[in-house]
Amino acid sequence: MDALLGQLPVGLAIGAVLLLAALGLNFTFGQMGVINMAHGELIMIGAYTAYVLHAWIGLNPAYSLLIALPTAFAVTGTLGWLLELGLIRHFYGRPLDTLLLTFGIGMILQQAARDTFGAPNVDVPAPAWLTGGITLTAGIRLHYSRLFILALAILSVIAIAYYLNRSRAGRQMRAVIHNRDLAAITGINTRKVDATTFFIGSGLAGIAGVALTLIGPTGPTLGTNYIVDAFLVVVIGGLGQLRGTILAAFALGLLNATVEAWADASLAKLIVFAAIVALLQARPQGLFTVKTRALT
């Protein structure tokens, strides 16, 4: 029982990372049907943004992390917007083609990272105020860095929820997710909404990348390690569903941490995949679905 409770903070941290990685992916996948395999590389670029601010520009680690968060959002958001504007929008309605296109873009971005930063992983030092932690019991210790990632995920969810429910642009995004044709008939510029959604989704990937620098080294394949689990979160939670994404991310994180306490990593991953397949057999549409109104 103590071992199980000891895995609780680990599971919450994994869930927070998956939530940050899946938030943006959920909206681009749910709204435009784009299977963006380059999303992992946007996470990687976000992590390298934190590295550049510290190692190349020389910012103090005490505050470089806080500067890296908005910077990474702007860098990856702009890159995602340019990719959508120049390439991806021409493949809307063709999911398999978007998969192949973004997979190729991801490979190019990985190679560009190797040419720029080298193949070996690099470290981004955590600020001193995030080292250490709080020991609750003999088996449970809350690291400040994991608490920061959890708080970052919660703030991101609050910001997204506010944007979707309180802003005009957010309500237009929800309208396009629910019924694109009907939204267009009512005068919503769906092309502009798609570009904005891609910018926000890609920017959130950059924030996820900065968060990942707190729990491990940064390398060209950093995002690849999380993209499959992020897609699983999107599929389990339901396309375009914020509450589904939150629930699925933390459920998957806790399940991963719990199973890995009793089995090796490979067997744990197999058990988690089996549980996901069983869930999708029962609810192939995911935990939540978007209610739409047909035009006819």
C-alpha atoms as a PDB file:
ATOM      1  CA  MET A   1       0.000   0.000   0.000  1.00  0.00           C
ATOM      2  CA  ASP A   2       2.868   2.384   0.836  1.00  0.00           C
ATOM      3  CA  ALA A   3       4.462   1.654  -2.539  1.00  0.00           C
ATOM      4  CA  LEU A   4       1.154   2.395  -4.241  1.00  0.00           C
ATOM      5  CA  LEU A   5       0.760   5.701  -2.418  1.00  0.00           C
ATOM      6  CA  GLY A   6       4.384   6.526  -3.227  1.00  0.00           C
ATOM      7  CA  GLN A   7       3.548   6.279  -6.932  1.00  0.00           C
ATOM      8  CA  LEU A   8       0.735   8.815  -6.603  1.00  0.00           C
ATOM      9  CA  PRO A   9       2.945  11.941  -7.008  1.00  0.00           C
ATOM     10  CA  VAL A  10       4.762  10.268  -9.910  1.00  0.00           C
ATOM     11  CA  GLY A  11       1.462   9.453 -11.603  1.00  0.00           C
ATOM     12  CA  LEU A  12       0.186  12.999 -11.165  1.00  0.00           C
ATOM     13  CA  ALA A  13       3.423  14.390 -12.642  1.00  0.00           C
ATOM     14  CA  ILE A  14       3.201  12.049 -15.646  1.00  0.00           C
ATOM     15  CA  GLY A  15      -0.443  13.015 -16.072  1.00  0.00           C
ATOM     16  CA  ALA A  16       0.426  16.731 -15.985  1.00  0.00           C
ATOM     17  CA  VAL A  17       3.089  16.270 -18.679  1.00  0.00           C
ATOM     18  CA  LEU A  18       0.685  14.257 -20.851  1.00  0.00           C
ATOM     19  CA  LEU A  19      -1.987  16.896 -20.345  1.00  0.00           C
ATOM     20  CA  LEU A  20       0.343  19.683 -21.497  1.00  0.00           C
ATOM     21  CA  ALA A  21       1.421  17.596 -24.494  1.00  0.00           C
ATOM     22  CA  ALA A  22      -2.136  16.612 -25.439  1.00  0.00           C
ATOM     23  CA  LEU A  23      -3.963  19.922 -24.945  1.00  0.00           C
ATOM     24  CA  GLY A  24      -2.885  21.483 -28.221  1.00  0.00           C
ATOM     25  CA  LEU A  25      -3.019  18.202 -30.092  1.00  0.00           C
ATOM     26  CA  ASN A  26      -6.606  17.687 -28.993  1.00  0.00           C
ATOM     27  CA  PHE A  27      -7.866  20.874 -30.623  1.00  0.00           C
ATOM     28  CA  THR A  28      -5.940  20.527 -33.894  1.00  0.00           C
ATOM     29  CA  PHE A  29      -6.989  16.883 -34.175  1.00  0.00           C
ATOM     30  CA  GLY A  30     -10.546  17.503 -33.010  1.00  0.00           C
ATOM     31  CA  GLN A  31     -11.199  20.629 -35.075  1.00  0.00           C
ATOM     32  CA  MET A  32      -9.334  20.033 -38.307  1.00  0.00           C
ATOM     33  CA  GLY A  33      -8.798  16.267 -38.253  1.00  0.00           C
ATOM     34  CA  VAL A  34      -5.080  16.786 -38.693  1.00  0.00           C
ATOM     35  CA  ILE A  35      -2.988  13.878 -37.393  1.00  0.00           C
ATOM     36  CA  ASN A  36      -0.058  16.114 -36.525  1.00  0.00           C
ATOM     37  CA  MET A  37       2.915  13.782 -36.074  1.00  0.00           C
ATOM     38  CA  ALA A  38       5.180  16.864 -35.908  1.00  0.00           C
ATOM     39  CA  HIS A  39       3.575  17.863 -32.595  1.00  0.00           C
ATOM     40  CA  GLY A  40       6.319  15.955 -30.773  1.00  0.00           C
ATOM     41  CA  GLU A  41       8.973  17.993 -32.568  1.00  0.00           C
ATOM     42  CA  LEU A  42       7.213  21.220 -31.508  1.00  0.00           C
ATOM     43  CA  ILE A  43       7.557  19.946 -27.926  1.00  0.00           C
ATOM     44  CA  MET A  44      11.264  19.358 -28.629  1.00  0.00           C
ATOM     45  CA  ILE A  45      11.667  22.903 -29.984  1.00  0.00           C
ATOM     46  CA  GLY A  46      10.027  24.280 -26.846  1.00  0.00           C
ATOM     47  CA  ALA A  47      12.597  22.430 -24.734  1.00  0.00           C
ATOM     48  CA  TYR A  48      15.480  23.694 -26.879  1.00  0.00           C
ATOM     49  CA  THR A  49      14.104  27.239 -26.509  1.00  0.00           C
ATOM     50  CA  ALA A  50      14.719  26.963 -22.750  1.00  0.00           C
ATOM     51  CA  TYR A  51      18.215  25.630 -23.495  1.00  0.00           C
ATOM     52  CA  VAL A  52      19.037  28.502 -25.849  1.00  0.00           C
ATOM     53  CA  LEU A  53      17.920  31.123 -23.339  1.00  0.00           C
ATOM     54  CA  HIS A  54      20.183  29.607 -20.696  1.00  0.00           C
ATOM     55  CA  ALA A  55      23.238  28.309 -22.603  1.00  0.00           C
ATOM     56  CA  TRP A  56      23.443  30.646 -25.604  1.00  0.00           C
ATOM     57  CA  ILE A  57      21.961  33.901 -24.344  1.00  0.00           C
ATOM     58  CA  GLY A  58      23.192  33.336 -20.791  1.00  0.00           C
ATOM     59  CA  LEU A  59      20.086  34.105 -18.775  1.00  0.00           C
ATOM     60  CA  ASN A  60      20.242  33.280 -15.080  1.00  0.00           C
ATOM     61  CA  PRO A  61      18.596  29.880 -14.338  1.00  0.00           C
ATOM     62  CA  ALA A  62      16.711  31.558 -11.494  1.00  0.00           C
ATOM     63  CA  TYR A  63      14.395  33.287 -13.955  1.00  0.00           C
ATOM     64  CA  SER A  64      15.231  31.876 -17.403  1.00  0.00           C
ATOM     65  CA  LEU A  65      12.559  29.204 -16.933  1.00  0.00           C
ATOM     66  CA  LEU A  66       9.852  31.826 -16.448  1.00  0.00           C
ATOM     67  CA  ILE A  67      11.026  33.704 -19.549  1.00  0.00           C
ATOM     68  CA  ALA A  68      11.246  30.454 -21.517  1.00  0.00           C
ATOM     69  CA  LEU A  69       7.537  29.665 -21.063  1.00  0.00           C
ATOM     70  CA  PRO A  70       6.074  32.617 -23.048  1.00  0.00           C
ATOM     71  CA  THR A  71       9.044  32.579 -25.438  1.00  0.00           C
ATOM     72  CA  ALA A  72       8.543  28.907 -26.275  1.00  0.00           C
ATOM     73  CA  PHE A  73       4.799  29.519 -26.711  1.00  0.00           C
ATOM     74  CA  ALA A  74       5.519  32.299 -29.206  1.00  0.00           C
ATOM     75  CA  VAL A  75       8.269  30.384 -31.069  1.00  0.00           C
ATOM     76  CA  THR A  76       6.410  27.096 -31.504  1.00  0.00           C
ATOM     77  CA  GLY A  77       3.079  28.847 -32.031  1.00  0.00           C
ATOM     78  CA  THR A  78       4.540  30.899 -34.874  1.00  0.00           C
ATOM     79  CA  LEU A  79       6.236  27.851 -36.388  1.00  0.00           C
ATOM     80  CA  GLY A  80       3.002  25.863 -36.201  1.00  0.00           C
ATOM     81  CA  TRP A  81       1.061  28.751 -37.747  1.00  0.00           C
ATOM     82  CA  LEU A  82       3.563  28.970 -40.624  1.00  0.00           C
ATOM     83  CA  LEU A  83       3.377  25.215 -41.221  1.00  0.00           C
ATOM     84  CA  GLU A  84      -0.416  25.364 -41.248  1.00  0.00           C
ATOM     85  CA  LEU A  85      -0.424  28.376 -43.565  1.00  0.00           C
ATOM     86  CA  GLY A  86       2.188  27.049 -45.995  1.00  0.00           C
ATOM     87  CA  LEU A  87       1.579  23.299 -46.051  1.00  0.00           C
ATOM     88  CA  ILE A  88      -0.950  21.639 -43.789  1.00  0.00           C
ATOM     89  CA  ARG A  89      -4.056  23.615 -44.840  1.00  0.00           C
ATOM     90  CA  HIS A  90      -3.732  22.202 -48.341  1.00  0.00           C
ATOM     91  CA  PHE A  91      -4.302  18.694 -46.954  1.00  0.00           C
ATOM     92  CA  TYR A  92      -7.440  19.276 -44.859  1.00  0.00           C
ATOM     93  CA  GLY A  93      -9.940  16.449 -45.203  1.00  0.00           C
ATOM     94  CA  ARG A  94      -7.182  13.958 -46.024  1.00  0.00           C
ATOM     95  CA  PRO A  95      -6.105  12.514 -42.641  1.00  0.00           C
ATOM     96  CA  LEU A  96      -3.676   9.955 -44.041  1.00  0.00           C
ATOM     97  CA  ASP A  97      -1.936  12.607 -46.137  1.00  0.00           C
ATOM     98  CA  THR A  98      -1.625  14.930 -43.122  1.00  0.00           C
ATOM     99  CA  LEU A  99      -0.112  12.050 -41.163  1.00  0.00           C
ATOM    100  CA  LEU A 100       2.537  11.439 -43.824  1.00  0.00           C
ATOM    101  CA  LEU A 101       3.167  15.153 -44.353  1.00  0.00           C
ATOM    102  CA  THR A 102       3.629  15.976 -40.660  1.00  0.00           C
ATOM    103  CA  PHE A 103       5.728  12.842 -40.129  1.00  0.00           C
ATOM    104  CA  GLY A 104       8.094  14.132 -42.810  1.00  0.00           C
ATOM    105  CA  ILE A 105       8.094  17.610 -41.263  1.00  0.00           C
ATOM    106  CA  GLY A 106       8.934  16.030 -37.920  1.00  0.00           C
ATOM    107  CA  MET A 107      11.908  14.169 -39.394  1.00  0.00           C
ATOM    108  CA  ILE A 108      13.199  17.407 -40.948  1.00  0.00           C
ATOM    109  CA  LEU A 109      12.854  19.250 -37.631  1.00  0.00           C
ATOM    110  CA  GLN A 110      14.683  16.452 -35.789  1.00  0.00           C
ATOM    111  CA  GLN A 111      17.590  16.595 -38.235  1.00  0.00           C
ATOM    112  CA  ALA A 112      17.674  20.386 -37.992  1.00  0.00           C
ATOM    113  CA  ALA A 113      17.961  20.035 -34.201  1.00  0.00           C
ATOM    114  CA  ARG A 114      20.849  17.548 -34.584  1.00  0.00           C
ATOM    115  CA  ASP A 115      22.656  19.896 -36.980  1.00  0.00           C
ATOM    116  CA  THR A 116      22.140  22.859 -34.658  1.00  0.00           C
ATOM    117  CA  PHE A 117      22.615  21.409 -31.168  1.00  0.00           C
ATOM    118  CA  GLY A 118      24.334  18.070 -31.874  1.00  0.00           C
ATOM    119  CA  ALA A 119      23.062  14.524 -31.401  1.00  0.00           C
ATOM    120  CA  PRO A 120      23.883  14.157 -27.649  1.00  0.00           C
ATOM    121  CA  ASN A 121      21.284  15.283 -25.158  1.00  0.00           C
ATOM    122  CA  VAL A 122      21.772  18.573 -23.332  1.00  0.00           C
ATOM    123  CA  ASP A 123      20.684  19.594 -19.848  1.00  0.00           C
ATOM    124  CA  VAL A 124      18.798  22.684 -18.807  1.00  0.00           C
ATOM    125  CA  PRO A 125      19.499  23.326 -15.115  1.00  0.00           C
ATOM    126  CA  ALA A 126      16.444  23.802 -12.950  1.00  0.00           C
ATOM    127  CA  PRO A 127      16.316  26.988 -10.914  1.00  0.00           C
ATOM    128  CA  ALA A 128      17.397  26.671  -7.297  1.00  0.00           C
ATOM    129  CA  TRP A 129      13.890  27.415  -6.084  1.00  0.00           C
ATOM    130  CA  LEU A 130      12.658  24.222  -7.762  1.00  0.00           C
ATOM    131  CA  THR A 131      15.218  21.859  -6.218  1.00  0.00           C
ATOM    132  CA  GLY A 132      14.284  19.695  -3.263  1.00  0.00           C
ATOM    133  CA  GLY A 133      10.797  18.823  -2.133  1.00  0.00           C
ATOM    134  CA  ILE A 134       8.415  18.065   0.687  1.00  0.00           C
ATOM    135  CA  THR A 135       8.454  14.684   2.441  1.00  0.00           C
ATOM    136  CA  LEU A 136       4.930  13.762   3.519  1.00  0.00           C
ATOM    137  CA  THR A 137       5.647  10.222   4.752  1.00  0.00           C
ATOM    138  CA  ALA A 138       8.536   7.772   4.490  1.00  0.00           C
ATOM    139  CA  GLY A 139       7.391   6.702   1.025  1.00  0.00           C
ATOM    140  CA  ILE A 140       5.865   9.886  -0.348  1.00  0.00           C
ATOM    141  CA  ARG A 141       7.973  12.883  -1.402  1.00  0.00           C
ATOM    142  CA  LEU A 142       6.651  15.784  -3.459  1.00  0.00           C
ATOM    143  CA  HIS A 143       9.385  17.331  -5.605  1.00  0.00           C
ATOM    144  CA  TYR A 144       9.038  21.051  -6.209  1.00  0.00           C
ATOM    145  CA  SER A 145       9.729  20.585  -9.936  1.00  0.00           C
ATOM    146  CA  ARG A 146       6.832  18.130 -10.280  1.00  0.00           C
ATOM    147  CA  LEU A 147       4.555  20.414  -8.308  1.00  0.00           C
ATOM    148  CA  PHE A 148       5.535  23.234 -10.675  1.00  0.00           C
ATOM    149  CA  ILE A 149       4.646  21.098 -13.713  1.00  0.00           C
ATOM    150  CA  LEU A 150       1.313  20.211 -12.098  1.00  0.00           C
ATOM    151  CA  ALA A 151       0.599  23.888 -11.387  1.00  0.00           C
ATOM    152  CA  LEU A 152       1.607  24.779 -14.957  1.00  0.00           C
ATOM    153  CA  ALA A 153      -0.831  22.210 -16.340  1.00  0.00           C
ATOM    154  CA  ILE A 154      -3.641  23.540 -14.125  1.00  0.00           C
ATOM    155  CA  LEU A 155      -2.961  27.146 -15.185  1.00  0.00           C
ATOM    156  CA  SER A 156      -2.903  26.096 -18.852  1.00  0.00           C
ATOM    157  CA  VAL A 157      -6.280  24.361 -18.462  1.00  0.00           C
ATOM    158  CA  ILE A 158      -7.764  27.421 -16.741  1.00  0.00           C
ATOM    159  CA  ALA A 159      -6.455  29.684 -19.510  1.00  0.00           C
ATOM    160  CA  ILE A 160      -7.833  27.412 -22.237  1.00  0.00           C
ATOM    161  CA  ALA A 161     -11.195  27.093 -20.482  1.00  0.00           C
ATOM    162  CA  TYR A 162     -11.413  30.887 -20.135  1.00  0.00           C
ATOM    163  CA  TYR A 163     -10.496  31.343 -23.801  1.00  0.00           C
ATOM    164  CA  LEU A 164     -13.093  28.807 -24.975  1.00  0.00           C
ATOM    165  CA  ASN A 165     -15.943  30.038 -22.801  1.00  0.00           C
ATOM    166  CA  ARG A 166     -15.356  33.757 -22.323  1.00  0.00           C
ATOM    167  CA  SER A 167     -13.760  35.065 -25.514  1.00  0.00           C
ATOM    168  CA  ARG A 168     -15.373  35.582 -28.920  1.00  0.00           C
ATOM    169  CA  ALA A 169     -12.533  33.725 -30.659  1.00  0.00           C
ATOM    170  CA  GLY A 170     -12.904  30.784 -28.265  1.00  0.00           C
ATOM    171  CA  ARG A 171     -16.640  30.526 -28.874  1.00  0.00           C
ATOM    172  CA  GLN A 172     -15.975  30.579 -32.625  1.00  0.00           C
ATOM    173  CA  MET A 173     -13.484  27.728 -32.145  1.00  0.00           C
ATOM    174  CA  ARG A 174     -16.105  25.693 -30.306  1.00  0.00           C
ATOM    175  CA  ALA A 175     -18.630  26.411 -33.026  1.00  0.00           C
ATOM    176  CA  VAL A 176     -16.250  25.143 -35.727  1.00  0.00           C
ATOM    177  CA  ILE A 177     -15.491  22.007 -33.692  1.00  0.00           C
ATOM    178  CA  HIS A 178     -19.208  21.308 -33.261  1.00  0.00           C
ATOM    179  CA  ASN A 179     -20.236  21.924 -36.886  1.00  0.00           C
ATOM    180  CA  ARG A 180     -17.874  23.536 -39.388  1.00  0.00           C
ATOM    181  CA  ASP A 181     -20.448  24.018 -42.158  1.00  0.00           C
ATOM    182  CA  LEU A 182     -23.028  25.581 -39.874  1.00  0.00           C
ATOM    183  CA  ALA A 183     -20.380  27.853 -38.352  1.00  0.00           C
ATOM    184  CA  ALA A 184     -19.349  29.030 -41.822  1.00  0.00           C
ATOM    185  CA  ILE A 185     -22.988  29.754 -42.765  1.00  0.00           C
ATOM    186  CA  THR A 186     -23.371  31.972 -39.698  1.00  0.00           C
ATOM    187  CA  GLY A 187     -20.469  34.130 -40.853  1.00  0.00           C
ATOM    188  CA  ILE A 188     -17.570  32.684 -38.887  1.00  0.00           C
ATOM    189  CA  ASN A 189     -14.303  32.823 -40.806  1.00  0.00           C
ATOM    190  CA  THR A 190     -13.370  29.158 -40.371  1.00  0.00           C
ATOM    191  CA  ARG A 191     -10.066  29.663 -42.164  1.00  0.00           C
ATOM    192  CA  LYS A 192      -9.003  32.248 -39.571  1.00  0.00           C
ATOM    193  CA  VAL A 193     -10.239  30.011 -36.727  1.00  0.00           C
ATOM    194  CA  ASP A 194      -8.183  27.088 -38.062  1.00  0.00           C
ATOM    195  CA  ALA A 195      -5.017  29.207 -38.196  1.00  0.00           C
ATOM    196  CA  THR A 196      -5.598  30.549 -34.674  1.00  0.00           C
ATOM    197  CA  THR A 197      -6.254  27.063 -33.327  1.00  0.00           C
ATOM    198  CA  PHE A 198      -3.045  25.778 -34.871  1.00  0.00           C
ATOM    199  CA  PHE A 199      -1.095  28.674 -33.353  1.00  0.00           C
ATOM    200  CA  ILE A 200      -2.493  27.995 -29.861  1.00  0.00           C
ATOM    201  CA  GLY A 201      -2.073  24.228 -30.137  1.00  0.00           C
ATOM    202  CA  SER A 202       1.526  24.539 -31.293  1.00  0.00           C
ATOM    203  CA  GLY A 203       2.258  27.115 -28.588  1.00  0.00           C
ATOM    204  CA  LEU A 204       0.985  24.729 -25.914  1.00  0.00           C
ATOM    205  CA  ALA A 205       3.411  22.122 -27.249  1.00  0.00           C
ATOM    206  CA  GLY A 206       6.236  24.593 -26.614  1.00  0.00           C
ATOM    207  CA  ILE A 207       5.118  25.041 -22.995  1.00  0.00           C
ATOM    208  CA  ALA A 208       5.088  21.255 -22.608  1.00  0.00           C
ATOM    209  CA  GLY A 209       8.658  21.158 -23.920  1.00  0.00           C
ATOM    210  CA  VAL A 210       9.844  23.694 -21.349  1.00  0.00           C
ATOM    211  CA  ALA A 211       8.171  21.645 -18.595  1.00  0.00           C
ATOM    212  CA  LEU A 212       9.959  18.502 -19.765  1.00  0.00           C
ATOM    213  CA  THR A 213      13.356  20.138 -19.222  1.00  0.00           C
ATOM    214  CA  LEU A 214      12.607  19.912 -15.482  1.00  0.00           C
ATOM    215  CA  ILE A 215      12.397  16.122 -15.452  1.00  0.00           C
ATOM    216  CA  GLY A 216      15.052  15.021 -17.943  1.00  0.00           C
ATOM    217  CA  PRO A 217      17.613  15.890 -20.624  1.00  0.00           C
ATOM    218  CA  THR A 218      16.692  17.495 -23.942  1.00  0.00           C
ATOM    219  CA  GLY A 219      17.448  15.817 -27.255  1.00  0.00           C
ATOM    220  CA  PRO A 220      16.242  15.737 -30.863  1.00  0.00           C
ATOM    221  CA  THR A 221      13.892  12.786 -30.156  1.00  0.00           C
ATOM    222  CA  LEU A 222      12.437  14.208 -26.943  1.00  0.00           C
ATOM    223  CA  GLY A 223       8.960  14.730 -28.364  1.00  0.00           C
ATOM    224  CA  THR A 224       8.845  11.313 -30.014  1.00  0.00           C
ATOM    225  CA  ASN A 225       8.804   9.709 -26.563  1.00  0.00           C
ATOM    226  CA  TYR A 226       5.532  11.463 -25.721  1.00  0.00           C
ATOM    227  CA  ILE A 227       3.626  11.786 -28.987  1.00  0.00           C
ATOM    228  CA  VAL A 228       2.062   8.293 -28.875  1.00  0.00           C
ATOM    229  CA  ASP A 229       0.824   8.717 -25.297  1.00  0.00           C
ATOM    230  CA  ALA A 230      -0.446  12.211 -26.171  1.00  0.00           C
ATOM    231  CA  PHE A 231      -2.497  10.784 -29.054  1.00  0.00           C
ATOM    232  CA  LEU A 232      -3.828   8.086 -26.705  1.00  0.00           C
ATOM    233  CA  VAL A 233      -4.987  10.826 -24.319  1.00  0.00           C
ATOM    234  CA  VAL A 234      -6.796  12.583 -27.179  1.00  0.00           C
ATOM    235  CA  VAL A 235      -8.480   9.388 -28.388  1.00  0.00           C
ATOM    236  CA  ILE A 236      -9.517   8.277 -24.888  1.00  0.00           C
ATOM    237  CA  GLY A 237     -10.749  11.701 -23.838  1.00  0.00           C
ATOM    238  CA  GLY A 238     -12.731  12.370 -27.002  1.00  0.00           C
ATOM    239  CA  LEU A 239     -11.948  14.746 -29.852  1.00  0.00           C
ATOM    240  CA  GLY A 240     -12.134  18.405 -28.918  1.00  0.00           C
ATOM    241  CA  GLN A 241     -13.135  17.620 -25.335  1.00  0.00           C
ATOM    242  CA  LEU A 242     -11.212  19.570 -22.677  1.00  0.00           C
ATOM    243  CA  ARG A 243     -12.639  17.678 -19.702  1.00  0.00           C
ATOM    244  CA  GLY A 244     -12.017  14.376 -21.465  1.00  0.00           C
ATOM    245  CA  THR A 245      -8.400  15.332 -22.122  1.00  0.00           C
ATOM    246  CA  ILE A 246      -7.875  16.228 -18.434  1.00  0.00           C
ATOM    247  CA  LEU A 247      -9.443  13.017 -17.173  1.00  0.00           C
ATOM    248  CA  ALA A 248      -7.646  10.812 -19.695  1.00  0.00           C
ATOM    249  CA  ALA A 249      -4.233  12.411 -19.082  1.00  0.00           C
ATOM    250  CA  PHE A 250      -4.281  11.909 -15.330  1.00  0.00           C
ATOM    251  CA  ALA A 251      -5.886   8.464 -15.593  1.00  0.00           C
ATOM    252  CA  LEU A 252      -3.181   7.349 -18.015  1.00  0.00           C
ATOM    253  CA  GLY A 253      -0.439   8.908 -15.864  1.00  0.00           C
ATOM    254  CA  LEU A 254      -1.666   7.219 -12.687  1.00  0.00           C
ATOM    255  CA  LEU A 255      -2.148   3.895 -14.483  1.00  0.00           C
ATOM    256  CA  ASN A 256       1.388   4.073 -15.893  1.00  0.00           C
ATOM    257  CA  ALA A 257       2.912   4.892 -12.515  1.00  0.00           C
ATOM    258  CA  THR A 258       0.889   2.225 -10.669  1.00  0.00           C
ATOM    259  CA  VAL A 259       1.657  -0.590 -13.091  1.00  0.00           C
ATOM    260  CA  GLU A 260       5.357   0.309 -13.272  1.00  0.00           C
ATOM    261  CA  ALA A 261       5.520  -0.114  -9.486  1.00  0.00           C
ATOM    262  CA  TRP A 262       4.766  -3.817  -9.928  1.00  0.00           C
ATOM    263  CA  ALA A 263       6.250  -4.649 -13.337  1.00  0.00           C
ATOM    264  CA  ASP A 264       9.154  -3.645 -15.575  1.00  0.00           C
ATOM    265  CA  ALA A 265       8.686  -0.803 -18.039  1.00  0.00           C
ATOM    266  CA  SER A 266       8.001  -2.986 -21.104  1.00  0.00           C
ATOM    267  CA  LEU A 267       5.431  -5.182 -19.367  1.00  0.00           C
ATOM    268  CA  ALA A 268       3.843  -2.106 -17.791  1.00  0.00           C
ATOM    269  CA  LYS A 269       3.454  -0.467 -21.205  1.00  0.00           C
ATOM    270  CA  LEU A 270       1.872  -3.671 -22.558  1.00  0.00           C
ATOM    271  CA  ILE A 271      -0.617  -3.770 -19.681  1.00  0.00           C
ATOM    272  CA  VAL A 272      -1.493  -0.094 -20.167  1.00  0.00           C
ATOM    273  CA  PHE A 273      -2.078  -0.607 -23.918  1.00  0.00           C
ATOM    274  CA  ALA A 274      -4.269  -3.646 -23.182  1.00  0.00           C
ATOM    275  CA  ALA A 275      -6.343  -1.573 -20.745  1.00  0.00           C
ATOM    276  CA  ILE A 276      -6.721   1.193 -23.359  1.00  0.00           C
ATOM    277  CA  VAL A 277      -7.799  -1.286 -26.057  1.00  0.00           C
ATOM    278  CA  ALA A 278     -10.386  -2.751 -23.659  1.00  0.00           C
ATOM    279  CA  LEU A 279     -11.695   0.755 -22.896  1.00  0.00           C
ATOM    280  CA  LEU A 280     -11.952   1.687 -26.571  1.00  0.00           C
ATOM    281  CA  GLN A 281     -13.792  -1.555 -27.289  1.00  0.00           C
ATOM    282  CA  ALA A 282     -16.432  -0.424 -24.804  1.00  0.00           C
ATOM    283  CA  ARG A 283     -16.402   3.290 -25.779  1.00  0.00           C
ATOM    284  CA  PRO A 284     -14.846   3.699 -29.248  1.00  0.00           C
ATOM    285  CA  GLN A 285     -15.895   7.371 -29.278  1.00  0.00           C
ATOM    286  CA  GLY A 286     -13.842   8.085 -26.134  1.00  0.00           C
ATOM    287  CA  LEU A 287     -14.990   9.188 -22.696  1.00  0.00           C
ATOM    288  CA  PHE A 288     -16.830  12.251 -24.027  1.00  0.00           C
ATOM    289  CA  THR A 289     -18.220  13.141 -27.444  1.00  0.00           C
ATOM    290  CA  VAL A 290     -19.070  16.374 -29.213  1.00  0.00           C
ATOM    291  CA  LYS A 291     -22.808  16.847 -29.726  1.00  0.00           C
ATOM    292  CA  THR A 292     -23.432  18.236 -33.196  1.00  0.00           C
ATOM    293  CA  ARG A 293     -26.418  19.400 -35.208  1.00  0.00           C
ATOM    294  CA  ALA A 294     -26.668  18.298 -38.786  1.00  0.00           C
ATOM    295  CA  LEU A 295     -27.744  20.721 -41.497  1.00  0.00           C
ATOM    296  CA  THR A 296     -30.269  18.240 -42.834  1.00  0.00           C
END
